[in-house]
Amino acid sequence: MEREADVATRARLIEWLKAEVVDQTARLFKAMWDGSGVRIADSLASLIASGYILGRRIGISYRDLDAAVAEKLAKMRQEGHQLEDLYRDLSTLEEHIRKR
């Protein structure tokens, strides 16, 4: 019975985190609409933190998530993504993540 309660608690927490990601995305879009740099940064920070915590709750370590993001950026860069071609955003972010 105790194990079932733990599984239910974990499932509720994951569902709550998923809703948190959606909520922070909505807050980000509203902040972008309003043009508030402080609110945009706050929403992005909350969204990123929620994504990391959700990953951890479903079994992905912070380190593994960092590595997956760096690998994704490298792949996108190699495929000639427009953000890299125009602004070098992908290589700059990849370097930032790898230096952490």
PDB file of N, CA and C in Angstrom:
ATOM      1  N   MET A   1       0.821  -1.199   0.000  1.00  0.00           N
ATOM      2  CA  MET A   1       0.000   0.000   0.000  1.00  0.00           C
ATOM      3  C   MET A   1       0.863   1.261   0.000  1.00  0.00           C
ATOM      4  N   GLU A   2       1.943   1.219   0.801  1.00  0.00           N
ATOM      5  CA  GLU A   2       2.823   2.381   0.887  1.00  0.00           C
ATOM      6  C   GLU A   2       3.481   2.655  -0.468  1.00  0.00           C
ATOM      7  N   ARG A   3       3.890   1.596  -1.160  1.00  0.00           N
ATOM      8  CA  ARG A   3       4.521   1.744  -2.483  1.00  0.00           C
ATOM      9  C   ARG A   3       3.535   2.354  -3.479  1.00  0.00           C
ATOM     10  N   GLU A   4       2.280   1.944  -3.430  1.00  0.00           N
ATOM     11  CA  GLU A   4       1.258   2.482  -4.317  1.00  0.00           C
ATOM     12  C   GLU A   4       1.045   3.971  -4.059  1.00  0.00           C
ATOM     13  N   ALA A   5       1.079   4.355  -2.788  1.00  0.00           N
ATOM     14  CA  ALA A   5       0.917   5.768  -2.439  1.00  0.00           C
ATOM     15  C   ALA A   5       2.098   6.569  -2.967  1.00  0.00           C
ATOM     16  N   ASP A   6       3.311   6.001  -2.883  1.00  0.00           N
ATOM     17  CA  ASP A   6       4.500   6.682  -3.395  1.00  0.00           C
ATOM     18  C   ASP A   6       4.419   6.850  -4.911  1.00  0.00           C
ATOM     19  N   VAL A   7       3.972   5.833  -5.608  1.00  0.00           N
ATOM     20  CA  VAL A   7       3.820   5.909  -7.059  1.00  0.00           C
ATOM     21  C   VAL A   7       2.786   6.974  -7.426  1.00  0.00           C
ATOM     22  N   ALA A   8       1.695   7.012  -6.700  1.00  0.00           N
ATOM     23  CA  ALA A   8       0.648   8.009  -6.963  1.00  0.00           C
ATOM     24  C   ALA A   8       1.170   9.424  -6.705  1.00  0.00           C
ATOM     25  N   THR A   9       1.933   9.580  -5.639  1.00  0.00           N
ATOM     26  CA  THR A   9       2.501  10.891  -5.319  1.00  0.00           C
ATOM     27  C   THR A   9       3.464  11.329  -6.416  1.00  0.00           C
ATOM     28  N   ARG A  10       4.295  10.412  -6.875  1.00  0.00           N
ATOM     29  CA  ARG A  10       5.231  10.732  -7.955  1.00  0.00           C
ATOM     30  C   ARG A  10       4.492  11.108  -9.236  1.00  0.00           C
ATOM     31  N   ALA A  11       3.452  10.368  -9.555  1.00  0.00           N
ATOM     32  CA  ALA A  11       2.668  10.650 -10.766  1.00  0.00           C
ATOM     33  C   ALA A  11       2.026  12.031 -10.678  1.00  0.00           C
ATOM     34  N   ARG A  12       1.483  12.372  -9.518  1.00  0.00           N
ATOM     35  CA  ARG A  12       0.874  13.696  -9.342  1.00  0.00           C
ATOM     36  C   ARG A  12       1.927  14.797  -9.482  1.00  0.00           C
ATOM     37  N   LEU A  13       3.104  14.558  -8.932  1.00  0.00           N
ATOM     38  CA  LEU A  13       4.179  15.541  -9.022  1.00  0.00           C
ATOM     39  C   LEU A  13       4.589  15.757 -10.476  1.00  0.00           C
ATOM     40  N   ILE A  14       4.713  14.689 -11.239  1.00  0.00           N
ATOM     41  CA  ILE A  14       5.069  14.808 -12.655  1.00  0.00           C
ATOM     42  C   ILE A  14       3.991  15.567 -13.416  1.00  0.00           C
ATOM     43  N   GLU A  15       2.739  15.260 -13.134  1.00  0.00           N
ATOM     44  CA  GLU A  15       1.648  15.986 -13.796  1.00  0.00           C
ATOM     45  C   GLU A  15       1.672  17.466 -13.420  1.00  0.00           C
ATOM     46  N   TRP A  16       1.960  17.759 -12.164  1.00  0.00           N
ATOM     47  CA  TRP A  16       2.054  19.155 -11.723  1.00  0.00           C
ATOM     48  C   TRP A  16       3.196  19.868 -12.452  1.00  0.00           C
ATOM     49  N   LEU A  17       4.348  19.191 -12.585  1.00  0.00           N
ATOM     50  CA  LEU A  17       5.479  19.793 -13.283  1.00  0.00           C
ATOM     51  C   LEU A  17       5.164  20.039 -14.763  1.00  0.00           C
ATOM     52  N   LYS A  18       4.456  19.128 -15.382  1.00  0.00           N
ATOM     53  CA  LYS A  18       4.050  19.325 -16.778  1.00  0.00           C
ATOM     54  C   LYS A  18       3.160  20.565 -16.898  1.00  0.00           C
ATOM     55  N   ALA A  19       2.236  20.720 -15.971  1.00  0.00           N
ATOM     56  CA  ALA A  19       1.376  21.909 -15.978  1.00  0.00           C
ATOM     57  C   ALA A  19       2.199  23.163 -15.723  1.00  0.00           C
ATOM     58  N   GLU A  20       3.211  23.062 -14.888  1.00  0.00           N
ATOM     59  CA  GLU A  20       4.088  24.190 -14.597  1.00  0.00           C
ATOM     60  C   GLU A  20       4.829  24.641 -15.862  1.00  0.00           C
ATOM     61  N   VAL A  21       5.290  23.686 -16.658  1.00  0.00           N
ATOM     62  CA  VAL A  21       5.969  24.011 -17.915  1.00  0.00           C
ATOM     63  C   VAL A  21       5.013  24.766 -18.845  1.00  0.00           C
ATOM     64  N   VAL A  22       3.783  24.296 -18.943  1.00  0.00           N
ATOM     65  CA  VAL A  22       2.797  24.968 -19.792  1.00  0.00           C
ATOM     66  C   VAL A  22       2.504  26.368 -19.255  1.00  0.00           C
ATOM     67  N   ASP A  23       2.330  26.487 -17.940  1.00  0.00           N
ATOM     68  CA  ASP A  23       2.053  27.783 -17.323  1.00  0.00           C
ATOM     69  C   ASP A  23       3.201  28.766 -17.560  1.00  0.00           C
ATOM     70  N   GLN A  24       4.427  28.309 -17.380  1.00  0.00           N
ATOM     71  CA  GLN A  24       5.576  29.201 -17.580  1.00  0.00           C
ATOM     72  C   GLN A  24       5.719  29.598 -19.040  1.00  0.00           C
ATOM     73  N   THR A  25       5.352  28.711 -19.951  1.00  0.00           N
ATOM     74  CA  THR A  25       5.373  29.050 -21.372  1.00  0.00           C
ATOM     75  C   THR A  25       4.364  30.168 -21.651  1.00  0.00           C
ATOM     76  N   ALA A  26       3.172  30.032 -21.089  1.00  0.00           N
ATOM     77  CA  ALA A  26       2.152  31.075 -21.256  1.00  0.00           C
ATOM     78  C   ALA A  26       2.633  32.393 -20.652  1.00  0.00           C
ATOM     79  N   ARG A  27       3.241  32.346 -19.474  1.00  0.00           N
ATOM     80  CA  ARG A  27       3.756  33.562 -18.839  1.00  0.00           C
ATOM     81  C   ARG A  27       4.847  34.214 -19.690  1.00  0.00           C
ATOM     82  N   LEU A  28       5.686  33.370 -20.296  1.00  0.00           N
ATOM     83  CA  LEU A  28       6.727  33.890 -21.168  1.00  0.00           C
ATOM     84  C   LEU A  28       6.120  34.622 -22.359  1.00  0.00           C
ATOM     85  N   PHE A  29       5.132  34.017 -22.985  1.00  0.00           N
ATOM     86  CA  PHE A  29       4.499  34.657 -24.139  1.00  0.00           C
ATOM     87  C   PHE A  29       3.837  35.978 -23.761  1.00  0.00           C
ATOM     88  N   LYS A  30       3.197  36.012 -22.602  1.00  0.00           N
ATOM     89  CA  LYS A  30       2.582  37.260 -22.140  1.00  0.00           C
ATOM     90  C   LYS A  30       3.643  38.323 -21.851  1.00  0.00           C
ATOM     91  N   ALA A  31       4.746  37.911 -21.233  1.00  0.00           N
ATOM     92  CA  ALA A  31       5.823  38.862 -20.942  1.00  0.00           C
ATOM     93  C   ALA A  31       6.434  39.393 -22.232  1.00  0.00           C
ATOM     94  N   MET A  32       6.567  38.528 -23.227  1.00  0.00           N
ATOM     95  CA  MET A  32       7.091  38.975 -24.523  1.00  0.00           C
ATOM     96  C   MET A  32       6.123  39.959 -25.177  1.00  0.00           C
ATOM     97  N   TRP A  33       4.840  39.699 -25.043  1.00  0.00           N
ATOM     98  CA  TRP A  33       3.823  40.604 -25.593  1.00  0.00           C
ATOM     99  C   TRP A  33       3.928  41.982 -24.936  1.00  0.00           C
ATOM    100  N   ASP A  34       4.120  41.962 -23.600  1.00  0.00           N
ATOM    101  CA  ASP A  34       4.227  43.216 -22.853  1.00  0.00           C
ATOM    102  C   ASP A  34       5.584  43.891 -23.038  1.00  0.00           C
ATOM    103  N   GLY A  35       6.571  43.134 -23.438  1.00  0.00           N
ATOM    104  CA  GLY A  35       7.911  43.689 -23.642  1.00  0.00           C
ATOM    105  C   GLY A  35       8.687  43.906 -22.363  1.00  0.00           C
ATOM    106  N   SER A  36       8.327  43.189 -21.312  1.00  0.00           N
ATOM    107  CA  SER A  36       9.000  43.339 -20.022  1.00  0.00           C
ATOM    108  C   SER A  36      10.209  42.406 -19.944  1.00  0.00           C
ATOM    109  N   GLY A  37      11.405  42.980 -20.023  1.00  0.00           N
ATOM    110  CA  GLY A  37      12.622  42.186 -19.955  1.00  0.00           C
ATOM    111  C   GLY A  37      12.762  41.414 -18.662  1.00  0.00           C
ATOM    112  N   VAL A  38      12.363  42.029 -17.559  1.00  0.00           N
ATOM    113  CA  VAL A  38      12.456  41.364 -16.256  1.00  0.00           C
ATOM    114  C   VAL A  38      11.523  40.158 -16.213  1.00  0.00           C
ATOM    115  N   ARG A  39      10.297  40.335 -16.673  1.00  0.00           N
ATOM    116  CA  ARG A  39       9.331  39.229 -16.676  1.00  0.00           C
ATOM    117  C   ARG A  39       9.726  38.145 -17.669  1.00  0.00           C
ATOM    118  N   ILE A  40      10.304  38.527 -18.796  1.00  0.00           N
ATOM    119  CA  ILE A  40      10.767  37.549 -19.780  1.00  0.00           C
ATOM    120  C   ILE A  40      11.866  36.691 -19.165  1.00  0.00           C
ATOM    121  N   ALA A  41      12.847  37.328 -18.548  1.00  0.00           N
ATOM    122  CA  ALA A  41      13.945  36.587 -17.919  1.00  0.00           C
ATOM    123  C   ALA A  41      13.431  35.675 -16.806  1.00  0.00           C
ATOM    124  N   ASP A  42      12.504  36.185 -15.999  1.00  0.00           N
ATOM    125  CA  ASP A  42      11.931  35.388 -14.921  1.00  0.00           C
ATOM    126  C   ASP A  42      11.184  34.167 -15.471  1.00  0.00           C
ATOM    127  N   SER A  43      10.398  34.375 -16.509  1.00  0.00           N
ATOM    128  CA  SER A  43       9.633  33.280 -17.104  1.00  0.00           C
ATOM    129  C   SER A  43      10.548  32.244 -17.748  1.00  0.00           C
ATOM    130  N   LEU A  44      11.565  32.717 -18.459  1.00  0.00           N
ATOM    131  CA  LEU A  44      12.526  31.791 -19.062  1.00  0.00           C
ATOM    132  C   LEU A  44      13.252  30.984 -17.994  1.00  0.00           C
ATOM    133  N   ALA A  45      13.669  31.654 -16.924  1.00  0.00           N
ATOM    134  CA  ALA A  45      14.356  30.958 -15.830  1.00  0.00           C
ATOM    135  C   ALA A  45      13.449  29.902 -15.206  1.00  0.00           C
ATOM    136  N   SER A  46      12.201  30.249 -14.981  1.00  0.00           N
ATOM    137  CA  SER A  46      11.250  29.288 -14.408  1.00  0.00           C
ATOM    138  C   SER A  46      10.999  28.125 -15.355  1.00  0.00           C
ATOM    139  N   LEU A  47      10.886  28.419 -16.631  1.00  0.00           N
ATOM    140  CA  LEU A  47      10.652  27.380 -17.627  1.00  0.00           C
ATOM    141  C   LEU A  47      11.834  26.415 -17.699  1.00  0.00           C
ATOM    142  N   ILE A  48      13.027  26.948 -17.728  1.00  0.00           N
ATOM    143  CA  ILE A  48      14.223  26.108 -17.788  1.00  0.00           C
ATOM    144  C   ILE A  48      14.356  25.279 -16.515  1.00  0.00           C
ATOM    145  N   ALA A  49      14.157  25.909 -15.357  1.00  0.00           N
ATOM    146  CA  ALA A  49      14.244  25.179 -14.091  1.00  0.00           C
ATOM    147  C   ALA A  49      13.206  24.069 -14.030  1.00  0.00           C
ATOM    148  N   SER A  50      11.980  24.358 -14.453  1.00  0.00           N
ATOM    149  CA  SER A  50      10.925  23.340 -14.451  1.00  0.00           C
ATOM    150  C   SER A  50      11.273  22.186 -15.380  1.00  0.00           C
ATOM    151  N   GLY A  51      11.868  22.498 -16.522  1.00  0.00           N
ATOM    152  CA  GLY A  51      12.282  21.453 -17.454  1.00  0.00           C
ATOM    153  C   GLY A  51      13.349  20.553 -16.853  1.00  0.00           C
ATOM    154  N   TYR A  52      14.322  21.136 -16.187  1.00  0.00           N
ATOM    155  CA  TYR A  52      15.360  20.341 -15.531  1.00  0.00           C
ATOM    156  C   TYR A  52      14.770  19.466 -14.424  1.00  0.00           C
ATOM    157  N   ILE A  53      13.908  20.043 -13.617  1.00  0.00           N
ATOM    158  CA  ILE A  53      13.327  19.284 -12.503  1.00  0.00           C
ATOM    159  C   ILE A  53      12.418  18.175 -13.027  1.00  0.00           C
ATOM    160  N   LEU A  54      11.635  18.463 -14.062  1.00  0.00           N
ATOM    161  CA  LEU A  54      10.802  17.427 -14.671  1.00  0.00           C
ATOM    162  C   LEU A  54      11.678  16.298 -15.192  1.00  0.00           C
ATOM    163  N   GLY A  55      12.755  16.636 -15.868  1.00  0.00           N
ATOM    164  CA  GLY A  55      13.681  15.612 -16.349  1.00  0.00           C
ATOM    165  C   GLY A  55      14.210  14.752 -15.219  1.00  0.00           C
ATOM    166  N   ARG A  56      14.594  15.384 -14.139  1.00  0.00           N
ATOM    167  CA  ARG A  56      15.116  14.630 -12.978  1.00  0.00           C
ATOM    168  C   ARG A  56      14.055  13.702 -12.399  1.00  0.00           C
ATOM    169  N   ARG A  57      12.830  14.181 -12.307  1.00  0.00           N
ATOM    170  CA  ARG A  57      11.742  13.366 -11.754  1.00  0.00           C
ATOM    171  C   ARG A  57      11.439  12.142 -12.621  1.00  0.00           C
ATOM    172  N   ILE A  58      11.742  12.230 -13.928  1.00  0.00           N
ATOM    173  CA  ILE A  58      11.480  11.079 -14.797  1.00  0.00           C
ATOM    174  C   ILE A  58      12.766  10.313 -15.127  1.00  0.00           C
ATOM    175  N   GLY A  59      13.837  10.617 -14.386  1.00  0.00           N
ATOM    176  CA  GLY A  59      15.028   9.789 -14.451  1.00  0.00           C
ATOM    177  C   GLY A  59      16.192  10.310 -15.280  1.00  0.00           C
ATOM    178  N   ILE A  60      16.173  11.568 -15.653  1.00  0.00           N
ATOM    179  CA  ILE A  60      17.269  12.145 -16.437  1.00  0.00           C
ATOM    180  C   ILE A  60      18.045  13.094 -15.526  1.00  0.00           C
ATOM    181  N   SER A  61      19.317  12.799 -15.335  1.00  0.00           N
ATOM    182  CA  SER A  61      20.120  13.644 -14.452  1.00  0.00           C
ATOM    183  C   SER A  61      20.366  14.999 -15.102  1.00  0.00           C
ATOM    184  N   TYR A  62      20.691  15.968 -14.278  1.00  0.00           N
ATOM    185  CA  TYR A  62      20.991  17.298 -14.797  1.00  0.00           C
ATOM    186  C   TYR A  62      22.170  17.226 -15.772  1.00  0.00           C
ATOM    187  N   ARG A  63      23.165  16.454 -15.422  1.00  0.00           N
ATOM    188  CA  ARG A  63      24.347  16.299 -16.272  1.00  0.00           C
ATOM    189  C   ARG A  63      23.977  15.678 -17.611  1.00  0.00           C
ATOM    190  N   ASP A  64      23.141  14.630 -17.579  1.00  0.00           N
ATOM    191  CA  ASP A  64      22.716  13.989 -18.826  1.00  0.00           C
ATOM    192  C   ASP A  64      21.883  14.937 -19.682  1.00  0.00           C
ATOM    193  N   LEU A  65      21.068  15.753 -19.042  1.00  0.00           N
ATOM    194  CA  LEU A  65      20.270  16.721 -19.791  1.00  0.00           C
ATOM    195  C   LEU A  65      21.170  17.780 -20.430  1.00  0.00           C
ATOM    196  N   ASP A  66      22.160  18.259 -19.674  1.00  0.00           N
ATOM    197  CA  ASP A  66      23.129  19.196 -20.248  1.00  0.00           C
ATOM    198  C   ASP A  66      23.814  18.584 -21.464  1.00  0.00           C
ATOM    199  N   ALA A  67      24.220  17.325 -21.351  1.00  0.00           N
ATOM    200  CA  ALA A  67      24.894  16.645 -22.461  1.00  0.00           C
ATOM    201  C   ALA A  67      23.955  16.495 -23.656  1.00  0.00           C
ATOM    202  N   ALA A  68      22.697  16.173 -23.385  1.00  0.00           N
ATOM    203  CA  ALA A  68      21.720  16.020 -24.473  1.00  0.00           C
ATOM    204  C   ALA A  68      21.484  17.349 -25.192  1.00  0.00           C
ATOM    205  N   VAL A  69      21.424  18.437 -24.435  1.00  0.00           N
ATOM    206  CA  VAL A  69      21.242  19.755 -25.043  1.00  0.00           C
ATOM    207  C   VAL A  69      22.471  20.110 -25.891  1.00  0.00           C
ATOM    208  N   ALA A  70      23.658  19.854 -25.354  1.00  0.00           N
ATOM    209  CA  ALA A  70      24.882  20.150 -26.106  1.00  0.00           C
ATOM    210  C   ALA A  70      24.942  19.322 -27.393  1.00  0.00           C
ATOM    211  N   GLU A  71      24.563  18.050 -27.298  1.00  0.00           N
ATOM    212  CA  GLU A  71      24.544  17.194 -28.488  1.00  0.00           C
ATOM    213  C   GLU A  71      23.518  17.691 -29.509  1.00  0.00           C
ATOM    214  N   LYS A  72      22.358  18.099 -29.044  1.00  0.00           N
ATOM    215  CA  LYS A  72      21.318  18.623 -29.930  1.00  0.00           C
ATOM    216  C   LYS A  72      21.812  19.880 -30.640  1.00  0.00           C
ATOM    217  N   LEU A  73      22.455  20.762 -29.894  1.00  0.00           N
ATOM    218  CA  LEU A  73      22.990  21.983 -30.488  1.00  0.00           C
ATOM    219  C   LEU A  73      24.051  21.679 -31.543  1.00  0.00           C
ATOM    220  N   ALA A  74      24.940  20.724 -31.241  1.00  0.00           N
ATOM    221  CA  ALA A  74      25.983  20.341 -32.197  1.00  0.00           C
ATOM    222  C   ALA A  74      25.362  19.776 -33.473  1.00  0.00           C
ATOM    223  N   LYS A  75      24.350  18.942 -33.310  1.00  0.00           N
ATOM    224  CA  LYS A  75      23.674  18.348 -34.476  1.00  0.00           C
ATOM    225  C   LYS A  75      22.988  19.427 -35.307  1.00  0.00           C
ATOM    226  N   MET A  76      22.292  20.322 -34.660  1.00  0.00           N
ATOM    227  CA  MET A  76      21.611  21.400 -35.372  1.00  0.00           C
ATOM    228  C   MET A  76      22.625  22.280 -36.110  1.00  0.00           C
ATOM    229  N   ARG A  77      23.750  22.536 -35.454  1.00  0.00           N
ATOM    230  CA  ARG A  77      24.807  23.355 -36.061  1.00  0.00           C
ATOM    231  C   ARG A  77      25.370  22.656 -37.293  1.00  0.00           C
ATOM    232  N   GLN A  78      25.633  21.375 -37.179  1.00  0.00           N
ATOM    233  CA  GLN A  78      26.187  20.604 -38.296  1.00  0.00           C
ATOM    234  C   GLN A  78      25.214  20.524 -39.467  1.00  0.00           C
ATOM    235  N   GLU A  79      23.930  20.551 -39.175  1.00  0.00           N
ATOM    236  CA  GLU A  79      22.913  20.486 -40.224  1.00  0.00           C
ATOM    237  C   GLU A  79      22.676  21.843 -40.886  1.00  0.00           C
ATOM    238  N   GLY A  80      23.396  22.865 -40.424  1.00  0.00           N
ATOM    239  CA  GLY A  80      23.286  24.182 -41.029  1.00  0.00           C
ATOM    240  C   GLY A  80      22.052  24.956 -40.613  1.00  0.00           C
ATOM    241  N   HIS A  81      21.732  24.896 -39.327  1.00  0.00           N
ATOM    242  CA  HIS A  81      20.566  25.617 -38.812  1.00  0.00           C
ATOM    243  C   HIS A  81      20.725  27.112 -39.052  1.00  0.00           C
ATOM    244  N   GLN A  82      19.629  27.757 -39.402  1.00  0.00           N
ATOM    245  CA  GLN A  82      19.631  29.179 -39.739  1.00  0.00           C
ATOM    246  C   GLN A  82      20.141  30.067 -38.595  1.00  0.00           C
ATOM    247  N   LEU A  83      19.819  29.721 -37.346  1.00  0.00           N
ATOM    248  CA  LEU A  83      20.293  30.533 -36.215  1.00  0.00           C
ATOM    249  C   LEU A  83      21.813  30.510 -36.112  1.00  0.00           C
ATOM    250  N   GLU A  84      22.396  29.385 -36.483  1.00  0.00           N
ATOM    251  CA  GLU A  84      23.859  29.306 -36.462  1.00  0.00           C
ATOM    252  C   GLU A  84      24.447  30.099 -37.624  1.00  0.00           C
ATOM    253  N   ASP A  85      23.869  29.922 -38.785  1.00  0.00           N
ATOM    254  CA  ASP A  85      24.384  30.604 -39.971  1.00  0.00           C
ATOM    255  C   ASP A  85      24.312  32.122 -39.828  1.00  0.00           C
ATOM    256  N   LEU A  86      23.244  32.613 -39.248  1.00  0.00           N
ATOM    257  CA  LEU A  86      23.046  34.059 -39.144  1.00  0.00           C
ATOM    258  C   LEU A  86      23.707  34.687 -37.918  1.00  0.00           C
ATOM    259  N   TYR A  87      23.615  33.987 -36.772  1.00  0.00           N
ATOM    260  CA  TYR A  87      24.007  34.626 -35.505  1.00  0.00           C
ATOM    261  C   TYR A  87      25.014  33.847 -34.658  1.00  0.00           C
ATOM    262  N   ARG A  88      25.302  32.602 -35.032  1.00  0.00           N
ATOM    263  CA  ARG A  88      26.177  31.711 -34.249  1.00  0.00           C
ATOM    264  C   ARG A  88      25.598  31.428 -32.856  1.00  0.00           C
ATOM    265  N   ASP A  89      24.283  31.504 -32.733  1.00  0.00           N
ATOM    266  CA  ASP A  89      23.627  31.255 -31.446  1.00  0.00           C
ATOM    267  C   ASP A  89      23.875  29.836 -30.934  1.00  0.00           C
ATOM    268  N   LEU A  90      23.852  28.862 -31.811  1.00  0.00           N
ATOM    269  CA  LEU A  90      23.971  27.468 -31.380  1.00  0.00           C
ATOM    270  C   LEU A  90      25.366  27.160 -30.847  1.00  0.00           C
ATOM    271  N   SER A  91      26.401  27.582 -31.545  1.00  0.00           N
ATOM    272  CA  SER A  91      27.756  27.305 -31.074  1.00  0.00           C
ATOM    273  C   SER A  91      28.062  28.083 -29.802  1.00  0.00           C
ATOM    274  N   THR A  92      27.527  29.281 -29.690  1.00  0.00           N
ATOM    275  CA  THR A  92      27.735  30.075 -28.471  1.00  0.00           C
ATOM    276  C   THR A  92      27.084  29.397 -27.270  1.00  0.00           C
ATOM    277  N   LEU A  93      25.853  28.925 -27.431  1.00  0.00           N
ATOM    278  CA  LEU A  93      25.169  28.222 -26.339  1.00  0.00           C
ATOM    279  C   LEU A  93      25.841  26.896 -26.041  1.00  0.00           C
ATOM    280  N   GLU A  94      26.241  26.176 -27.067  1.00  0.00           N
ATOM    281  CA  GLU A  94      26.932  24.890 -26.867  1.00  0.00           C
ATOM    282  C   GLU A  94      28.199  25.094 -26.049  1.00  0.00           C
ATOM    283  N   GLU A  95      28.968  26.115 -26.382  1.00  0.00           N
ATOM    284  CA  GLU A  95      30.192  26.414 -25.641  1.00  0.00           C
ATOM    285  C   GLU A  95      29.871  26.767 -24.184  1.00  0.00           C
ATOM    286  N   HIS A  96      28.835  27.560 -23.980  1.00  0.00           N
ATOM    287  CA  HIS A  96      28.434  27.936 -22.616  1.00  0.00           C
ATOM    288  C   HIS A  96      28.093  26.690 -21.788  1.00  0.00           C
ATOM    289  N   ILE A  97      27.326  25.781 -22.370  1.00  0.00           N
ATOM    290  CA  ILE A  97      26.920  24.568 -21.642  1.00  0.00           C
ATOM    291  C   ILE A  97      28.113  23.681 -21.351  1.00  0.00           C
ATOM    292  N   ARG A  98      28.988  23.525 -22.294  1.00  0.00           N
ATOM    293  CA  ARG A  98      30.164  22.646 -22.111  1.00  0.00           C
ATOM    294  C   ARG A  98      31.126  23.213 -21.052  1.00  0.00           C
ATOM    295  N   LYS A  99      31.155  24.524 -20.860  1.00  0.00           N
ATOM    296  CA  LYS A  99      32.051  25.136 -19.872  1.00  0.00           C
ATOM    297  C   LYS A  99      31.510  25.039 -18.446  1.00  0.00           C
ATOM    298  N   ARG A 100      30.246  24.691 -18.289  1.00  0.00           N
ATOM    299  CA  ARG A 100      29.654  24.631 -16.938  1.00  0.00           C
ATOM    300  C   ARG A 100      30.299  23.593 -16.096  1.00  0.00           C
TER     301      ARG A 100
END
